[in-house]
Amino acid sequence: MNDTARPAVDVELKRLEKRIDELVSAVAQLKDENRALHQRQDALTAERATLLQKNEQVRARVEAMIGRLKAMEHAT
């Protein structure tokens, strides 16, 4: 390689190095976001399971009340 091409190669290498650093930073940020989203999804999944369980309990209680009301209605 001659001396006139050397500075152009150095400039291009610096540009590529900067771009690689930017990409590494972007990947790290995306990994952090992905981890946070997985944690949020896990929390929401657990919350959903809890709410479904509570909903089922309330449904059973309402059905029991309806049954008692019908029994009282037929008893009168």
PDB file of N, CA and C in Angstrom:
ATOM      1  N   MET A   1       0.851  -1.176   0.000  1.00  0.00           N
ATOM      2  CA  MET A   1       0.000   0.000   0.000  1.00  0.00           C
ATOM      3  C   MET A   1       0.888   1.227   0.000  1.00  0.00           C
ATOM      4  N   ASN A   2       0.562   2.192  -0.845  1.00  0.00           N
ATOM      5  CA  ASN A   2       1.411   3.382  -0.907  1.00  0.00           C
ATOM      6  C   ASN A   2       0.992   4.369   0.180  1.00  0.00           C
ATOM      7  N   ASP A   3       1.835   5.381   0.379  1.00  0.00           N
ATOM      8  CA  ASP A   3       1.622   6.346   1.460  1.00  0.00           C
ATOM      9  C   ASP A   3       0.402   7.228   1.235  1.00  0.00           C
ATOM     10  N   THR A   4      -0.039   7.402   0.022  1.00  0.00           N
ATOM     11  CA  THR A   4      -1.198   8.272  -0.230  1.00  0.00           C
ATOM     12  C   THR A   4      -2.500   7.564   0.122  1.00  0.00           C
ATOM     13  N   ALA A   5      -2.526   6.258   0.035  1.00  0.00           N
ATOM     14  CA  ALA A   5      -3.750   5.509   0.345  1.00  0.00           C
ATOM     15  C   ALA A   5      -3.893   5.254   1.840  1.00  0.00           C
ATOM     16  N   ARG A   6      -2.802   5.317   2.566  1.00  0.00           N
ATOM     17  CA  ARG A   6      -2.811   5.010   4.004  1.00  0.00           C
ATOM     18  C   ARG A   6      -3.762   5.904   4.805  1.00  0.00           C
ATOM     19  N   PRO A   7      -3.767   7.214   4.628  1.00  0.00           N
ATOM     20  CA  PRO A   7      -4.701   8.036   5.408  1.00  0.00           C
ATOM     21  C   PRO A   7      -6.170   7.714   5.104  1.00  0.00           C
ATOM     22  N   ALA A   8      -6.468   7.389   3.865  1.00  0.00           N
ATOM     23  CA  ALA A   8      -7.850   7.048   3.513  1.00  0.00           C
ATOM     24  C   ALA A   8      -8.276   5.752   4.205  1.00  0.00           C
ATOM     25  N   VAL A   9      -7.368   4.812   4.272  1.00  0.00           N
ATOM     26  CA  VAL A   9      -7.657   3.546   4.951  1.00  0.00           C
ATOM     27  C   VAL A   9      -7.846   3.796   6.442  1.00  0.00           C
ATOM     28  N   ASP A  10      -6.996   4.625   7.031  1.00  0.00           N
ATOM     29  CA  ASP A  10      -7.121   4.950   8.454  1.00  0.00           C
ATOM     30  C   ASP A  10      -8.464   5.619   8.753  1.00  0.00           C
ATOM     31  N   VAL A  11      -8.865   6.534   7.882  1.00  0.00           N
ATOM     32  CA  VAL A  11     -10.153   7.220   8.066  1.00  0.00           C
ATOM     33  C   VAL A  11     -11.297   6.217   7.981  1.00  0.00           C
ATOM     34  N   GLU A  12     -11.228   5.333   7.017  1.00  0.00           N
ATOM     35  CA  GLU A  12     -12.282   4.326   6.855  1.00  0.00           C
ATOM     36  C   GLU A  12     -12.308   3.375   8.050  1.00  0.00           C
ATOM     37  N   LEU A  13     -11.148   2.978   8.540  1.00  0.00           N
ATOM     38  CA  LEU A  13     -11.093   2.103   9.721  1.00  0.00           C
ATOM     39  C   LEU A  13     -11.676   2.800  10.943  1.00  0.00           C
ATOM     40  N   LYS A  14     -11.387   4.060  11.119  1.00  0.00           N
ATOM     41  CA  LYS A  14     -11.951   4.819  12.243  1.00  0.00           C
ATOM     42  C   LYS A  14     -13.474   4.901  12.114  1.00  0.00           C
ATOM     43  N   ARG A  15     -13.941   5.124  10.900  1.00  0.00           N
ATOM     44  CA  ARG A  15     -15.379   5.207  10.666  1.00  0.00           C
ATOM     45  C   ARG A  15     -16.060   3.874  11.002  1.00  0.00           C
ATOM     46  N   LEU A  16     -15.439   2.787  10.550  1.00  0.00           N
ATOM     47  CA  LEU A  16     -15.985   1.464  10.832  1.00  0.00           C
ATOM     48  C   LEU A  16     -15.935   1.158  12.330  1.00  0.00           C
ATOM     49  N   GLU A  17     -14.857   1.541  12.980  1.00  0.00           N
ATOM     50  CA  GLU A  17     -14.727   1.320  14.423  1.00  0.00           C
ATOM     51  C   GLU A  17     -15.835   2.070  15.182  1.00  0.00           C
ATOM     52  N   LYS A  18     -16.086   3.297  14.777  1.00  0.00           N
ATOM     53  CA  LYS A  18     -17.146   4.087  15.406  1.00  0.00           C
ATOM     54  C   LYS A  18     -18.500   3.430  15.192  1.00  0.00           C
ATOM     55  N   ARG A  19     -18.738   2.968  13.986  1.00  0.00           N
ATOM     56  CA  ARG A  19     -20.018   2.324  13.669  1.00  0.00           C
ATOM     57  C   ARG A  19     -20.191   1.039  14.468  1.00  0.00           C
ATOM     58  N   ILE A  20     -19.123   0.270  14.602  1.00  0.00           N
ATOM     59  CA  ILE A  20     -19.185  -0.962  15.396  1.00  0.00           C
ATOM     60  C   ILE A  20     -19.490  -0.630  16.856  1.00  0.00           C
ATOM     61  N   ASP A  21     -18.853   0.400  17.390  1.00  0.00           N
ATOM     62  CA  ASP A  21     -19.133   0.822  18.763  1.00  0.00           C
ATOM     63  C   ASP A  21     -20.605   1.216  18.927  1.00  0.00           C
ATOM     64  N   GLU A  22     -21.150   1.922  17.944  1.00  0.00           N
ATOM     65  CA  GLU A  22     -22.556   2.309  17.994  1.00  0.00           C
ATOM     66  C   GLU A  22     -23.464   1.079  17.973  1.00  0.00           C
ATOM     67  N   LEU A  23     -23.113   0.113  17.130  1.00  0.00           N
ATOM     68  CA  LEU A  23     -23.911  -1.114  17.045  1.00  0.00           C
ATOM     69  C   LEU A  23     -23.836  -1.922  18.341  1.00  0.00           C
ATOM     70  N   VAL A  24     -22.663  -2.003  18.922  1.00  0.00           N
ATOM     71  CA  VAL A  24     -22.501  -2.716  20.198  1.00  0.00           C
ATOM     72  C   VAL A  24     -23.359  -2.041  21.273  1.00  0.00           C
ATOM     73  N   SER A  25     -23.350  -0.731  21.287  1.00  0.00           N
ATOM     74  CA  SER A  25     -24.159   0.014  22.238  1.00  0.00           C
ATOM     75  C   SER A  25     -25.650  -0.235  21.996  1.00  0.00           C
ATOM     76  N   ALA A  26     -26.059  -0.240  20.755  1.00  0.00           N
ATOM     77  CA  ALA A  26     -27.464  -0.487  20.421  1.00  0.00           C
ATOM     78  C   ALA A  26     -27.884  -1.890  20.840  1.00  0.00           C
ATOM     79  N   VAL A  27     -27.027  -2.864  20.619  1.00  0.00           N
ATOM     80  CA  VAL A  27     -27.330  -4.243  21.007  1.00  0.00           C
ATOM     81  C   VAL A  27     -27.473  -4.337  22.528  1.00  0.00           C
ATOM     82  N   ALA A  28     -26.592  -3.691  23.261  1.00  0.00           N
ATOM     83  CA  ALA A  28     -26.674  -3.709  24.724  1.00  0.00           C
ATOM     84  C   ALA A  28     -27.987  -3.084  25.197  1.00  0.00           C
ATOM     85  N   GLN A  29     -28.362  -1.974  24.584  1.00  0.00           N
ATOM     86  CA  GLN A  29     -29.615  -1.311  24.950  1.00  0.00           C
ATOM     87  C   GLN A  29     -30.811  -2.214  24.639  1.00  0.00           C
ATOM     88  N   LEU A  30     -30.794  -2.855  23.485  1.00  0.00           N
ATOM     89  CA  LEU A  30     -31.888  -3.749  23.113  1.00  0.00           C
ATOM     90  C   LEU A  30     -31.973  -4.951  24.048  1.00  0.00           C
ATOM     91  N   LYS A  31     -30.819  -5.459  24.486  1.00  0.00           N
ATOM     92  CA  LYS A  31     -30.822  -6.565  25.445  1.00  0.00           C
ATOM     93  C   LYS A  31     -31.459  -6.130  26.755  1.00  0.00           C
ATOM     94  N   ASP A  32     -31.125  -4.936  27.225  1.00  0.00           N
ATOM     95  CA  ASP A  32     -31.724  -4.408  28.456  1.00  0.00           C
ATOM     96  C   ASP A  32     -33.231  -4.248  28.299  1.00  0.00           C
ATOM     97  N   GLU A  33     -33.659  -3.682  27.185  1.00  0.00           N
ATOM     98  CA  GLU A  33     -35.084  -3.505  26.936  1.00  0.00           C
ATOM     99  C   GLU A  33     -35.792  -4.855  26.857  1.00  0.00           C
ATOM    100  N   ASN A  34     -35.166  -5.799  26.210  1.00  0.00           N
ATOM    101  CA  ASN A  34     -35.749  -7.132  26.071  1.00  0.00           C
ATOM    102  C   ASN A  34     -35.912  -7.796  27.438  1.00  0.00           C
ATOM    103  N   ARG A  35     -34.895  -7.675  28.281  1.00  0.00           N
ATOM    104  CA  ARG A  35     -34.953  -8.247  29.619  1.00  0.00           C
ATOM    105  C   ARG A  35     -36.094  -7.586  30.416  1.00  0.00           C
ATOM    106  N   ALA A  36     -36.196  -6.264  30.325  1.00  0.00           N
ATOM    107  CA  ALA A  36     -37.253  -5.545  31.037  1.00  0.00           C
ATOM    108  C   ALA A  36     -38.637  -5.962  30.519  1.00  0.00           C
ATOM    109  N   LEU A  37     -38.753  -6.132  29.215  1.00  0.00           N
ATOM    110  CA  LEU A  37     -40.038  -6.552  28.647  1.00  0.00           C
ATOM    111  C   LEU A  37     -40.407  -7.965  29.086  1.00  0.00           C
ATOM    112  N   HIS A  38     -39.423  -8.855  29.170  1.00  0.00           N
ATOM    113  CA  HIS A  38     -39.692 -10.208  29.653  1.00  0.00           C
ATOM    114  C   HIS A  38     -40.140 -10.180  31.111  1.00  0.00           C
ATOM    115  N   GLN A  39     -39.493  -9.346  31.921  1.00  0.00           N
ATOM    116  CA  GLN A  39     -39.893  -9.235  33.323  1.00  0.00           C
ATOM    117  C   GLN A  39     -41.313  -8.698  33.425  1.00  0.00           C
ATOM    118  N   ARG A  40     -41.632  -7.696  32.611  1.00  0.00           N
ATOM    119  CA  ARG A  40     -42.980  -7.119  32.612  1.00  0.00           C
ATOM    120  C   ARG A  40     -44.000  -8.155  32.155  1.00  0.00           C
ATOM    121  N   GLN A  41     -43.650  -8.919  31.144  1.00  0.00           N
ATOM    122  CA  GLN A  41     -44.555  -9.962  30.664  1.00  0.00           C
ATOM    123  C   GLN A  41     -44.795 -11.006  31.753  1.00  0.00           C
ATOM    124  N   ASP A  42     -43.752 -11.400  32.450  1.00  0.00           N
ATOM    125  CA  ASP A  42     -43.902 -12.374  33.536  1.00  0.00           C
ATOM    126  C   ASP A  42     -44.811 -11.825  34.630  1.00  0.00           C
ATOM    127  N   ALA A  43     -44.616 -10.548  34.976  1.00  0.00           N
ATOM    128  CA  ALA A  43     -45.450  -9.928  35.998  1.00  0.00           C
ATOM    129  C   ALA A  43     -46.908  -9.866  35.547  1.00  0.00           C
ATOM    130  N   LEU A  44     -47.129  -9.491  34.302  1.00  0.00           N
ATOM    131  CA  LEU A  44     -48.495  -9.418  33.791  1.00  0.00           C
ATOM    132  C   LEU A  44     -49.143 -10.796  33.703  1.00  0.00           C
ATOM    133  N   THR A  45     -48.368 -11.797  33.360  1.00  0.00           N
ATOM    134  CA  THR A  45     -48.890 -13.165  33.314  1.00  0.00           C
ATOM    135  C   THR A  45     -49.310 -13.619  34.707  1.00  0.00           C
ATOM    136  N   ALA A  46     -48.490 -13.320  35.694  1.00  0.00           N
ATOM    137  CA  ALA A  46     -48.833 -13.678  37.076  1.00  0.00           C
ATOM    138  C   ALA A  46     -50.065 -12.904  37.539  1.00  0.00           C
ATOM    139  N   GLU A  47     -50.126 -11.634  37.208  1.00  0.00           N
ATOM    140  CA  GLU A  47     -51.286 -10.819  37.577  1.00  0.00           C
ATOM    141  C   GLU A  47     -52.551 -11.357  36.909  1.00  0.00           C
ATOM    142  N   ARG A  48     -52.437 -11.741  35.658  1.00  0.00           N
ATOM    143  CA  ARG A  48     -53.591 -12.285  34.935  1.00  0.00           C
ATOM    144  C   ARG A  48     -54.076 -13.566  35.606  1.00  0.00           C
ATOM    145  N   ALA A  49     -53.150 -14.430  35.994  1.00  0.00           N
ATOM    146  CA  ALA A  49     -53.531 -15.678  36.659  1.00  0.00           C
ATOM    147  C   ALA A  49     -54.257 -15.385  37.970  1.00  0.00           C
ATOM    148  N   THR A  50     -53.768 -14.413  38.717  1.00  0.00           N
ATOM    149  CA  THR A  50     -54.411 -14.025  39.970  1.00  0.00           C
ATOM    150  C   THR A  50     -55.814 -13.494  39.718  1.00  0.00           C
ATOM    151  N   LEU A  51     -55.945 -12.640  38.712  1.00  0.00           N
ATOM    152  CA  LEU A  51     -57.253 -12.073  38.398  1.00  0.00           C
ATOM    153  C   LEU A  51     -58.232 -13.139  37.908  1.00  0.00           C
ATOM    154  N   LEU A  52     -57.747 -14.079  37.126  1.00  0.00           N
ATOM    155  CA  LEU A  52     -58.616 -15.172  36.683  1.00  0.00           C
ATOM    156  C   LEU A  52     -59.094 -16.008  37.862  1.00  0.00           C
ATOM    157  N   GLN A  53     -58.200 -16.254  38.804  1.00  0.00           N
ATOM    158  CA  GLN A  53     -58.567 -17.017  39.992  1.00  0.00           C
ATOM    159  C   GLN A  53     -59.611 -16.262  40.814  1.00  0.00           C
ATOM    160  N   LYS A  54     -59.394 -14.961  41.013  1.00  0.00           N
ATOM    161  CA  LYS A  54     -60.367 -14.160  41.759  1.00  0.00           C
ATOM    162  C   LYS A  54     -61.703 -14.108  41.029  1.00  0.00           C
ATOM    163  N   ASN A  55     -61.652 -13.987  39.718  1.00  0.00           N
ATOM    164  CA  ASN A  55     -62.873 -13.961  38.922  1.00  0.00           C
ATOM    165  C   ASN A  55     -63.644 -15.266  39.087  1.00  0.00           C
ATOM    166  N   GLU A  56     -62.938 -16.366  39.081  1.00  0.00           N
ATOM    167  CA  GLU A  56     -63.585 -17.669  39.256  1.00  0.00           C
ATOM    168  C   GLU A  56     -64.216 -17.770  40.643  1.00  0.00           C
ATOM    169  N   GLN A  57     -63.528 -17.274  41.659  1.00  0.00           N
ATOM    170  CA  GLN A  57     -64.078 -17.295  43.018  1.00  0.00           C
ATOM    171  C   GLN A  57     -65.347 -16.449  43.094  1.00  0.00           C
ATOM    172  N   VAL A  58     -65.322 -15.280  42.500  1.00  0.00           N
ATOM    173  CA  VAL A  58     -66.495 -14.402  42.516  1.00  0.00           C
ATOM    174  C   VAL A  58     -67.638 -15.044  41.749  1.00  0.00           C
ATOM    175  N   ARG A  59     -67.345 -15.644  40.607  1.00  0.00           N
ATOM    176  CA  ARG A  59     -68.376 -16.320  39.819  1.00  0.00           C
ATOM    177  C   ARG A  59     -69.041 -17.428  40.632  1.00  0.00           C
ATOM    178  N   ALA A  60     -68.218 -18.209  41.335  1.00  0.00           N
ATOM    179  CA  ALA A  60     -68.766 -19.289  42.157  1.00  0.00           C
ATOM    180  C   ALA A  60     -69.643 -18.730  43.277  1.00  0.00           C
ATOM    181  N   ARG A  61     -69.217 -17.646  43.890  1.00  0.00           N
ATOM    182  CA  ARG A  61     -70.018 -17.040  44.962  1.00  0.00           C
ATOM    183  C   ARG A  61     -71.342 -16.505  44.423  1.00  0.00           C
ATOM    184  N   VAL A  62     -71.306 -15.865  43.271  1.00  0.00           N
ATOM    185  CA  VAL A  62     -72.540 -15.335  42.672  1.00  0.00           C
ATOM    186  C   VAL A  62     -73.479 -16.484  42.315  1.00  0.00           C
ATOM    187  N   GLU A  63     -72.938 -17.539  41.731  1.00  0.00           N
ATOM    188  CA  GLU A  63     -73.777 -18.692  41.408  1.00  0.00           C
ATOM    189  C   GLU A  63     -74.390 -19.286  42.665  1.00  0.00           C
ATOM    190  N   ALA A  64     -73.620 -19.339  43.743  1.00  0.00           N
ATOM    191  CA  ALA A  64     -74.147 -19.861  45.010  1.00  0.00           C
ATOM    192  C   ALA A  64     -75.261 -18.958  45.537  1.00  0.00           C
ATOM    193  N   MET A  65     -75.088 -17.649  45.439  1.00  0.00           N
ATOM    194  CA  MET A  65     -76.132 -16.720  45.889  1.00  0.00           C
ATOM    195  C   MET A  65     -77.397 -16.884  45.053  1.00  0.00           C
ATOM    196  N   ILE A  66     -77.219 -17.016  43.753  1.00  0.00           N
ATOM    197  CA  ILE A  66     -78.375 -17.214  42.877  1.00  0.00           C
ATOM    198  C   ILE A  66     -79.104 -18.502  43.259  1.00  0.00           C
ATOM    199  N   GLY A  67     -78.334 -19.547  43.524  1.00  0.00           N
ATOM    200  CA  GLY A  67     -78.939 -20.810  43.944  1.00  0.00           C
ATOM    201  C   GLY A  67     -79.714 -20.657  45.246  1.00  0.00           C
ATOM    202  N   ARG A  68     -79.149 -19.933  46.190  1.00  0.00           N
ATOM    203  CA  ARG A  68     -79.839 -19.710  47.469  1.00  0.00           C
ATOM    204  C   ARG A  68     -81.106 -18.879  47.253  1.00  0.00           C
ATOM    205  N   LEU A  69     -81.031 -17.860  46.414  1.00  0.00           N
ATOM    206  CA  LEU A  69     -82.213 -17.040  46.139  1.00  0.00           C
ATOM    207  C   LEU A  69     -83.320 -17.866  45.472  1.00  0.00           C
ATOM    208  N   LYS A  70     -82.936 -18.712  44.542  1.00  0.00           N
ATOM    209  CA  LYS A  70     -83.947 -19.557  43.891  1.00  0.00           C
ATOM    210  C   LYS A  70     -84.561 -20.524  44.895  1.00  0.00           C
ATOM    211  N   ALA A  71     -83.732 -21.070  45.781  1.00  0.00           N
ATOM    212  CA  ALA A  71     -84.245 -21.971  46.807  1.00  0.00           C
ATOM    213  C   ALA A  71     -85.197 -21.239  47.734  1.00  0.00           C
ATOM    214  N   MET A  72     -84.882 -20.010  48.106  1.00  0.00           N
ATOM    215  CA  MET A  72     -85.758 -19.216  48.975  1.00  0.00           C
ATOM    216  C   MET A  72     -87.057 -18.893  48.242  1.00  0.00           C
ATOM    217  N   GLU A  73     -86.952 -18.610  46.956  1.00  0.00           N
ATOM    218  CA  GLU A  73     -88.128 -18.291  46.159  1.00  0.00           C
ATOM    219  C   GLU A  73     -89.081 -19.487  46.081  1.00  0.00           C
ATOM    220  N   HIS A  74     -88.516 -20.676  45.895  1.00  0.00           N
ATOM    221  CA  HIS A  74     -89.338 -21.872  45.798  1.00  0.00           C
ATOM    222  C   HIS A  74     -89.886 -22.276  47.164  1.00  0.00           C
ATOM    223  N   ALA A  75     -89.224 -21.899  48.222  1.00  0.00           N
ATOM    224  CA  ALA A  75     -89.654 -22.252  49.582  1.00  0.00           C
ATOM    225  C   ALA A  75     -90.845 -21.411  50.014  1.00  0.00           C
ATOM    226  N   THR A  76     -91.035 -20.262  49.391  1.00  0.00           N
ATOM    227  CA  THR A  76     -92.153 -19.397  49.801  1.00  0.00           C
ATOM    228  C   THR A  76     -93.411 -19.670  49.030  1.00  0.00           C
TER     229      THR A  76
END
